[in-house]
Amino acid sequence: MKKLVTSLLTLSLVAMLTACGGGNQAAQQAGGQSSPASNEKPIELSYAFFAPANTFPAVQMEKWKAELEKRTNGKVKVNLFLGGTLLKADNMYDGIANKVADIGLSSTTYEPGRFPLLAISDMPSGYTSSKAASRVVHDLIEQYPPEALKDFKIITSFATEASYIQTKDSVTSLGDLKGKQLRISGALTPIMQELGASPVGMSQAEVAEALQTGVVNGLVTSREALLDLKFAESVKYVTNYPLTINTFIAVMNKDVWNSLPADVQKVIDELNGEMTAFTGEYLDNHVKEALEWSQKEHGTQMVELSDKDVWEQKLKAMQDKYVDELEAKGQPAKEYKQKLYDLIDKYSKE
């Protein structure tokens, strides 16, 4: 009899402890403490870029990272690799294809010939701001997806403001420009040659020393560089005439994209257009800040062209010729150009 009583007591005690344990677990979950699912490791994505953290495309990356991590409630963690630490400008897209990084950001301008239609919209076209240019190229990329990126997932796209001639000596006419050695990016070479300058190719990292030693008299780039890269310490004049833009496209490896949960993909798609608008607006405000700083600290002057009509005729003829060449190769270049100017007109008014 004693054994029977003892057994019954033991069974009762076990049942009570089990019930208490289950109640505690339920209480923990109801109280918001970690459940097994929330202890799972986040999805980690690597994101590479070739320029330093203080540049405006890198500011975009930081914003994209923060928004993605917040909107997925920590389900995704993004690791940024800036300053060419993982991939550089000349191997960015190939590096993403080979999974050196999951995501990469680069300028299509740095790969001449790979993005033929985008080269039309990169040419001088009368852009009024980075925000307008960014929205224009975003729409064009969606309507005319680059063949070179068909095996990638496009994450976002945006553009610089137009490039401006920035020099030690004032340039107010084609005569002033003739023979001047100016640092340029690749796509600017034929344009600056047509205008009579002597373009010099070099990385942005080499420009400051080249200006100081007289290797170049100036450069052609967007004006935030006056502050971000301290070029205002060497160049004193900015010619107030917009030239080319640089288009930036961020892409993700397609296999990585396909491996992501649908809810994460949805957030990334939502961020695409948002980051276009954010980056353009940020850069326009930053350019204004850079110009004010340059004028106040270094006496930088904006100068006007005396022969603006001649510049416009030359540059329009170059764009028209390039469009005709692409059209002859079977590209919808004339349609693309018409759409380009329709979008510029639309977004310049907003």
Foldseek 3Di string as FASTA:
>chain_A
DVVVVVVVVVVVVVVVVVVVVVVVVVVCVVVPHDDPVNPDQAAEFEEEEQADCLDLVNVLVVVLQVLLCVVVVNNYHYHYHYNCPQHHQVCFVVCQQVPSGFKYKYWPLQPPPQFLQVLLLQWDDDFDFQLLSLVLVQVLCVVPPRPSCPQWAWLAKGKHFFWWWFFQDDDQELVSQAAFEAEEHRSCVVLSVLSHYRYDYDDPVCPVVCLVVVVGGTYIGQQLCCPPVVCLQRTAEIEPDGTGMIMMIMTGRNVVLVPDDPVSNVSSVVCHVVSRNVSRVVNRVSSVVSVVCSCVVRNRYYDYHPPVVVSVVSRVVVSVVSLVVVVVVVDPSVVSNVSSNVSSVVSVVD
